[in-house]
Amino acid sequence: MDKVNTGKVEFDAAARMAQVVEGGPRYAPLTLDEVSPEGQVQVDEIRAAFSIPEERPFPDVSLITLRHPGMFKAQMVLGIELASRGTIPHRERELAVLRLAWLARAPFEWAEHVDIAKVFGVTPDEIERVLEGSSAPGWTAHEAALLRAVEELIADHCMSEESWATLAETYDEMQMLEVPMLVGSYLMTAMQQNTLKIQPKAGFDYR
């Protein structure tokens, strides 16, 4: 197994922002009038799935990736399944995504999911603890195993027997099948957003 970092991951945040944010985005967002008919179907489905009212602006990141409507559709099918109909509890999903976003050094994904995590009950102290990794004191055995599974899947592309056994004490078959897909889906998204230099929200402080 490749070395798995279960602790704090240090990196030069300013250099990373310069690499994956500065000068971006690499493509401008489409206007809704420019979205293709195929893409408009996806816009309507996303608004319905996440209860986004018509008057709320559609996210720039989506309006950029809608330049490839077929790919966007495939990506959203999995995204909606995981986020809207997923079997992993929302709070635990967000803990996993936060750890993934930090390991992927993905400022846009991190910033977005800090806000989402708070909605689902993740506390500021827990967000700080995510930076410390699965080995940080304060996690339950289940939470530590979930974060460690993320760390293992990133480092070695496989979950260890120990993490599997601990998670399987609580999760059912559907949830266990979902964990690696959750990590893989959000890692794919992080790579896309980093490469496109998607801009985090104004005032974002990436430590």
C-alpha atoms as a PDB file:
ATOM      1  CA  MET A   1       0.000   0.000   0.000  1.00  0.00           C
ATOM      2  CA  ASP A   2       1.184   3.526  -0.786  1.00  0.00           C
ATOM      3  CA  LYS A   3       1.783   5.786   2.203  1.00  0.00           C
ATOM      4  CA  VAL A   4      -1.537   7.062   3.549  1.00  0.00           C
ATOM      5  CA  ASN A   5      -1.490  10.451   5.249  1.00  0.00           C
ATOM      6  CA  THR A   6      -3.957  10.301   8.116  1.00  0.00           C
ATOM      7  CA  GLY A   7      -2.743  13.568   9.648  1.00  0.00           C
ATOM      8  CA  LYS A   8      -2.415  17.196   8.677  1.00  0.00           C
ATOM      9  CA  VAL A   9      -1.358  17.846   5.091  1.00  0.00           C
ATOM     10  CA  GLU A  10       0.728  20.990   4.720  1.00  0.00           C
ATOM     11  CA  PHE A  11       1.111  22.838   1.437  1.00  0.00           C
ATOM     12  CA  ASP A  12       1.712  26.357   0.149  1.00  0.00           C
ATOM     13  CA  ALA A  13      -1.829  27.696  -0.116  1.00  0.00           C
ATOM     14  CA  ALA A  14      -0.794  30.880  -1.922  1.00  0.00           C
ATOM     15  CA  ALA A  15       1.120  28.910  -4.549  1.00  0.00           C
ATOM     16  CA  ARG A  16      -1.822  26.556  -5.017  1.00  0.00           C
ATOM     17  CA  MET A  17      -4.239  29.469  -5.465  1.00  0.00           C
ATOM     18  CA  ALA A  18      -1.883  30.948  -8.050  1.00  0.00           C
ATOM     19  CA  GLN A  19      -1.829  27.616  -9.868  1.00  0.00           C
ATOM     20  CA  VAL A  20      -5.526  26.703  -9.898  1.00  0.00           C
ATOM     21  CA  VAL A  21      -7.380  30.021  -9.464  1.00  0.00           C
ATOM     22  CA  GLU A  22      -5.290  32.978 -10.642  1.00  0.00           C
ATOM     23  CA  GLY A  23      -6.192  34.194 -14.118  1.00  0.00           C
ATOM     24  CA  GLY A  24      -9.288  32.019 -14.291  1.00  0.00           C
ATOM     25  CA  PRO A  25     -11.702  30.805 -15.215  1.00  0.00           C
ATOM     26  CA  ARG A  26     -10.212  29.419 -18.401  1.00  0.00           C
ATOM     27  CA  TYR A  27     -13.649  29.558 -20.090  1.00  0.00           C
ATOM     28  CA  ALA A  28     -16.320  32.172 -19.466  1.00  0.00           C
ATOM     29  CA  PRO A  29     -19.695  30.992 -18.176  1.00  0.00           C
ATOM     30  CA  LEU A  30     -22.410  30.766 -20.799  1.00  0.00           C
ATOM     31  CA  THR A  31     -25.471  32.939 -20.417  1.00  0.00           C
ATOM     32  CA  LEU A  32     -28.702  30.985 -20.092  1.00  0.00           C
ATOM     33  CA  ASP A  33     -29.593  32.188 -23.588  1.00  0.00           C
ATOM     34  CA  GLU A  34     -26.427  30.533 -24.901  1.00  0.00           C
ATOM     35  CA  VAL A  35     -27.129  27.132 -23.297  1.00  0.00           C
ATOM     36  CA  SER A  36     -28.046  24.497 -25.884  1.00  0.00           C
ATOM     37  CA  PRO A  37     -31.502  22.862 -25.813  1.00  0.00           C
ATOM     38  CA  GLU A  38     -29.831  19.683 -24.497  1.00  0.00           C
ATOM     39  CA  GLY A  39     -28.168  21.713 -21.774  1.00  0.00           C
ATOM     40  CA  GLN A  40     -31.402  23.497 -20.863  1.00  0.00           C
ATOM     41  CA  VAL A  41     -32.952  20.150 -20.018  1.00  0.00           C
ATOM     42  CA  GLN A  42     -30.124  19.639 -17.517  1.00  0.00           C
ATOM     43  CA  VAL A  43     -30.623  23.115 -16.066  1.00  0.00           C
ATOM     44  CA  ASP A  44     -34.301  22.361 -15.476  1.00  0.00           C
ATOM     45  CA  GLU A  45     -33.559  18.975 -13.898  1.00  0.00           C
ATOM     46  CA  ILE A  46     -30.945  20.428 -11.553  1.00  0.00           C
ATOM     47  CA  ARG A  47     -33.266  23.219 -10.457  1.00  0.00           C
ATOM     48  CA  ALA A  48     -35.908  20.594  -9.691  1.00  0.00           C
ATOM     49  CA  ALA A  49     -33.529  18.175  -7.923  1.00  0.00           C
ATOM     50  CA  PHE A  50     -32.058  20.816  -5.620  1.00  0.00           C
ATOM     51  CA  SER A  51     -35.100  23.123  -5.350  1.00  0.00           C
ATOM     52  CA  ILE A  52     -33.302  26.051  -7.003  1.00  0.00           C
ATOM     53  CA  PRO A  53     -35.877  28.759  -7.806  1.00  0.00           C
ATOM     54  CA  GLU A  54     -35.999  30.273 -11.282  1.00  0.00           C
ATOM     55  CA  GLU A  55     -35.021  33.698  -9.974  1.00  0.00           C
ATOM     56  CA  ARG A  56     -31.776  32.426  -8.426  1.00  0.00           C
ATOM     57  CA  PRO A  57     -28.760  32.739 -10.747  1.00  0.00           C
ATOM     58  CA  PHE A  58     -27.462  29.429 -12.056  1.00  0.00           C
ATOM     59  CA  PRO A  59     -23.919  28.674 -10.789  1.00  0.00           C
ATOM     60  CA  ASP A  60     -21.056  29.872 -13.002  1.00  0.00           C
ATOM     61  CA  VAL A  61     -19.279  26.523 -12.635  1.00  0.00           C
ATOM     62  CA  SER A  62     -22.288  24.771 -14.188  1.00  0.00           C
ATOM     63  CA  LEU A  63     -22.609  27.379 -16.937  1.00  0.00           C
ATOM     64  CA  ILE A  64     -18.961  26.744 -17.833  1.00  0.00           C
ATOM     65  CA  THR A  65     -19.234  22.957 -17.949  1.00  0.00           C
ATOM     66  CA  LEU A  66     -22.487  23.222 -19.922  1.00  0.00           C
ATOM     67  CA  ARG A  67     -20.234  24.012 -22.862  1.00  0.00           C
ATOM     68  CA  HIS A  68     -20.074  20.195 -23.070  1.00  0.00           C
ATOM     69  CA  PRO A  69     -23.734  19.288 -22.420  1.00  0.00           C
ATOM     70  CA  GLY A  70     -23.337  15.542 -22.916  1.00  0.00           C
ATOM     71  CA  MET A  71     -20.524  15.311 -20.385  1.00  0.00           C
ATOM     72  CA  PHE A  72     -22.367  17.654 -18.038  1.00  0.00           C
ATOM     73  CA  LYS A  73     -25.437  15.414 -18.188  1.00  0.00           C
ATOM     74  CA  ALA A  74     -23.443  12.288 -17.324  1.00  0.00           C
ATOM     75  CA  GLN A  75     -21.661  14.082 -14.502  1.00  0.00           C
ATOM     76  CA  MET A  76     -24.931  15.405 -13.060  1.00  0.00           C
ATOM     77  CA  VAL A  77     -26.657  12.008 -13.147  1.00  0.00           C
ATOM     78  CA  LEU A  78     -24.040  10.686 -10.724  1.00  0.00           C
ATOM     79  CA  GLY A  79     -23.875  13.942  -8.780  1.00  0.00           C
ATOM     80  CA  ILE A  80     -27.626  14.061  -8.199  1.00  0.00           C
ATOM     81  CA  GLU A  81     -27.682  10.380  -7.241  1.00  0.00           C
ATOM     82  CA  LEU A  82     -24.983  10.941  -4.611  1.00  0.00           C
ATOM     83  CA  ALA A  83     -26.133  14.315  -3.269  1.00  0.00           C
ATOM     84  CA  SER A  84     -29.900  14.130  -3.603  1.00  0.00           C
ATOM     85  CA  ARG A  85     -30.657  10.417  -3.369  1.00  0.00           C
ATOM     86  CA  GLY A  86     -27.499   9.070  -1.724  1.00  0.00           C
ATOM     87  CA  THR A  87     -27.720   6.641   1.175  1.00  0.00           C
ATOM     88  CA  ILE A  88     -24.810   8.060   3.185  1.00  0.00           C
ATOM     89  CA  PRO A  89     -26.076  10.603   5.745  1.00  0.00           C
ATOM     90  CA  HIS A  90     -25.560  14.166   4.532  1.00  0.00           C
ATOM     91  CA  ARG A  91     -23.348  15.186   7.444  1.00  0.00           C
ATOM     92  CA  GLU A  92     -21.022  12.208   6.925  1.00  0.00           C
ATOM     93  CA  ARG A  93     -20.951  12.777   3.181  1.00  0.00           C
ATOM     94  CA  GLU A  94     -19.792  16.346   3.756  1.00  0.00           C
ATOM     95  CA  LEU A  95     -17.052  15.284   6.176  1.00  0.00           C
ATOM     96  CA  ALA A  96     -15.764  12.906   3.490  1.00  0.00           C
ATOM     97  CA  VAL A  97     -15.960  15.535   0.738  1.00  0.00           C
ATOM     98  CA  LEU A  98     -14.163  18.108   2.874  1.00  0.00           C
ATOM     99  CA  ARG A  99     -11.285  15.716   3.553  1.00  0.00           C
ATOM    100  CA  LEU A 100     -11.130  14.857  -0.134  1.00  0.00           C
ATOM    101  CA  ALA A 101     -11.190  18.516  -1.190  1.00  0.00           C
ATOM    102  CA  TRP A 102      -8.352  19.324   1.196  1.00  0.00           C
ATOM    103  CA  LEU A 103      -6.232  16.397   0.006  1.00  0.00           C
ATOM    104  CA  ALA A 104      -6.919  17.365  -3.621  1.00  0.00           C
ATOM    105  CA  ARG A 105      -5.916  20.956  -2.774  1.00  0.00           C
ATOM    106  CA  ALA A 106      -9.123  22.086  -4.459  1.00  0.00           C
ATOM    107  CA  PRO A 107      -9.995  25.612  -3.251  1.00  0.00           C
ATOM    108  CA  PHE A 108     -13.324  25.948  -5.056  1.00  0.00           C
ATOM    109  CA  GLU A 109     -14.594  22.549  -3.896  1.00  0.00           C
ATOM    110  CA  TRP A 110     -13.346  23.186  -0.350  1.00  0.00           C
ATOM    111  CA  ALA A 111     -15.040  26.603  -0.149  1.00  0.00           C
ATOM    112  CA  GLU A 112     -18.343  25.306  -1.503  1.00  0.00           C
ATOM    113  CA  HIS A 113     -18.464  22.335   0.820  1.00  0.00           C
ATOM    114  CA  VAL A 114     -17.514  24.279   3.935  1.00  0.00           C
ATOM    115  CA  ASP A 115     -20.804  26.130   3.442  1.00  0.00           C
ATOM    116  CA  ILE A 116     -22.754  22.968   2.569  1.00  0.00           C
ATOM    117  CA  ALA A 117     -21.283  21.081   5.530  1.00  0.00           C
ATOM    118  CA  LYS A 118     -22.455  23.752   7.946  1.00  0.00           C
ATOM    119  CA  VAL A 119     -26.006  23.406   6.611  1.00  0.00           C
ATOM    120  CA  PHE A 120     -25.895  19.707   7.496  1.00  0.00           C
ATOM    121  CA  GLY A 121     -24.605  20.211  11.018  1.00  0.00           C
ATOM    122  CA  VAL A 122     -20.827  20.044  10.660  1.00  0.00           C
ATOM    123  CA  THR A 123     -19.423  22.454  13.234  1.00  0.00           C
ATOM    124  CA  PRO A 124     -16.543  24.920  12.712  1.00  0.00           C
ATOM    125  CA  ASP A 125     -14.458  22.835  15.135  1.00  0.00           C
ATOM    126  CA  GLU A 126     -15.104  19.708  13.057  1.00  0.00           C
ATOM    127  CA  ILE A 127     -14.147  21.554   9.869  1.00  0.00           C
ATOM    128  CA  GLU A 128     -10.852  22.463  11.526  1.00  0.00           C
ATOM    129  CA  ARG A 129     -10.449  18.846  12.635  1.00  0.00           C
ATOM    130  CA  VAL A 130     -10.886  17.658   9.038  1.00  0.00           C
ATOM    131  CA  LEU A 131      -7.599  19.416   8.308  1.00  0.00           C
ATOM    132  CA  GLU A 132      -5.976  17.253  10.988  1.00  0.00           C
ATOM    133  CA  GLY A 133      -7.216  14.054   9.324  1.00  0.00           C
ATOM    134  CA  SER A 134      -8.623  10.763  10.516  1.00  0.00           C
ATOM    135  CA  SER A 135      -6.005  10.398  13.253  1.00  0.00           C
ATOM    136  CA  ALA A 136      -7.127  13.580  15.042  1.00  0.00           C
ATOM    137  CA  PRO A 137      -8.697  13.057  18.465  1.00  0.00           C
ATOM    138  CA  GLY A 138     -12.420  13.680  18.778  1.00  0.00           C
ATOM    139  CA  TRP A 139     -13.823  11.582  15.923  1.00  0.00           C
ATOM    140  CA  THR A 140     -16.027   8.602  16.620  1.00  0.00           C
ATOM    141  CA  ALA A 141     -14.628   5.273  15.415  1.00  0.00           C
ATOM    142  CA  HIS A 142     -17.060   5.411  12.481  1.00  0.00           C
ATOM    143  CA  GLU A 143     -16.137   8.978  11.506  1.00  0.00           C
ATOM    144  CA  ALA A 144     -12.415   8.228  11.750  1.00  0.00           C
ATOM    145  CA  ALA A 145     -12.883   5.162   9.530  1.00  0.00           C
ATOM    146  CA  LEU A 146     -14.786   7.214   6.952  1.00  0.00           C
ATOM    147  CA  LEU A 147     -12.081   9.873   6.800  1.00  0.00           C
ATOM    148  CA  ARG A 148      -9.376   7.201   6.730  1.00  0.00           C
ATOM    149  CA  ALA A 149     -11.189   5.515   3.833  1.00  0.00           C
ATOM    150  CA  VAL A 150     -11.011   8.802   1.922  1.00  0.00           C
ATOM    151  CA  GLU A 151      -7.292   9.087   2.689  1.00  0.00           C
ATOM    152  CA  GLU A 152      -6.693   5.486   1.565  1.00  0.00           C
ATOM    153  CA  LEU A 153      -8.701   5.835  -1.629  1.00  0.00           C
ATOM    154  CA  ILE A 154      -6.754   8.965  -2.579  1.00  0.00           C
ATOM    155  CA  ALA A 155      -3.345   7.486  -1.724  1.00  0.00           C
ATOM    156  CA  ASP A 156      -3.791   3.844  -2.739  1.00  0.00           C
ATOM    157  CA  HIS A 157      -7.052   3.717  -4.712  1.00  0.00           C
ATOM    158  CA  CYS A 158      -8.325   1.018  -2.350  1.00  0.00           C
ATOM    159  CA  MET A 159      -9.930   0.941   1.085  1.00  0.00           C
ATOM    160  CA  SER A 160      -8.106  -1.078   3.744  1.00  0.00           C
ATOM    161  CA  GLU A 161      -9.581  -4.083   5.523  1.00  0.00           C
ATOM    162  CA  GLU A 162      -9.582  -2.124   8.780  1.00  0.00           C
ATOM    163  CA  SER A 163     -11.557   0.812   7.390  1.00  0.00           C
ATOM    164  CA  TRP A 164     -13.946  -1.501   5.557  1.00  0.00           C
ATOM    165  CA  ALA A 165     -14.643  -3.579   8.657  1.00  0.00           C
ATOM    166  CA  THR A 166     -15.302  -0.546  10.849  1.00  0.00           C
ATOM    167  CA  LEU A 167     -17.595   1.150   8.351  1.00  0.00           C
ATOM    168  CA  ALA A 168     -19.447  -2.103   7.671  1.00  0.00           C
ATOM    169  CA  GLU A 169     -20.439  -2.275  11.335  1.00  0.00           C
ATOM    170  CA  THR A 170     -22.704   0.713  10.688  1.00  0.00           C
ATOM    171  CA  TYR A 171     -23.203   1.022   6.929  1.00  0.00           C
ATOM    172  CA  ASP A 172     -25.350  -1.332   4.863  1.00  0.00           C
ATOM    173  CA  GLU A 173     -24.392  -2.756   1.458  1.00  0.00           C
ATOM    174  CA  MET A 174     -25.652   0.246  -0.495  1.00  0.00           C
ATOM    175  CA  GLN A 175     -23.692   2.665   1.662  1.00  0.00           C
ATOM    176  CA  MET A 176     -20.522   0.592   1.385  1.00  0.00           C
ATOM    177  CA  LEU A 177     -20.877   0.529  -2.397  1.00  0.00           C
ATOM    178  CA  GLU A 178     -21.395   4.275  -2.359  1.00  0.00           C
ATOM    179  CA  VAL A 179     -18.251   5.276  -0.436  1.00  0.00           C
ATOM    180  CA  PRO A 180     -15.659   4.765  -3.211  1.00  0.00           C
ATOM    181  CA  MET A 181     -18.031   6.230  -5.801  1.00  0.00           C
ATOM    182  CA  LEU A 182     -18.509   9.302  -3.610  1.00  0.00           C
ATOM    183  CA  VAL A 183     -14.757   9.797  -3.337  1.00  0.00           C
ATOM    184  CA  GLY A 184     -14.150   9.145  -7.029  1.00  0.00           C
ATOM    185  CA  SER A 185     -16.928  11.475  -8.161  1.00  0.00           C
ATOM    186  CA  TYR A 186     -15.814  14.414  -6.049  1.00  0.00           C
ATOM    187  CA  LEU A 187     -12.153  13.829  -6.927  1.00  0.00           C
ATOM    188  CA  MET A 188     -13.081  13.972 -10.615  1.00  0.00           C
ATOM    189  CA  THR A 189     -14.941  17.208  -9.958  1.00  0.00           C
ATOM    190  CA  ALA A 190     -11.983  18.659  -8.045  1.00  0.00           C
ATOM    191  CA  MET A 191      -9.636  17.903 -10.948  1.00  0.00           C
ATOM    192  CA  GLN A 192     -12.046  19.525 -13.389  1.00  0.00           C
ATOM    193  CA  GLN A 193     -12.559  22.642 -11.257  1.00  0.00           C
ATOM    194  CA  ASN A 194      -8.838  23.029 -10.532  1.00  0.00           C
ATOM    195  CA  THR A 195      -7.983  22.711 -14.213  1.00  0.00           C
ATOM    196  CA  LEU A 196     -10.676  25.184 -15.308  1.00  0.00           C
ATOM    197  CA  LYS A 197      -9.518  27.603 -12.580  1.00  0.00           C
ATOM    198  CA  ILE A 198     -13.012  28.005 -11.187  1.00  0.00           C
ATOM    199  CA  GLN A 199     -13.147  31.017  -8.877  1.00  0.00           C
ATOM    200  CA  PRO A 200     -14.015  30.511  -5.189  1.00  0.00           C
ATOM    201  CA  LYS A 201     -16.525  32.830  -3.561  1.00  0.00           C
ATOM    202  CA  ALA A 202     -15.435  36.390  -2.813  1.00  0.00           C
ATOM    203  CA  GLY A 203     -13.511  36.768   0.406  1.00  0.00           C
ATOM    204  CA  PHE A 204     -12.463  33.108   0.503  1.00  0.00           C
ATOM    205  CA  ASP A 205      -9.430  32.563   2.750  1.00  0.00           C
ATOM    206  CA  TYR A 206      -7.564  29.407   1.751  1.00  0.00           C
ATOM    207  CA  ARG A 207      -5.246  28.359   4.564  1.00  0.00           C
END
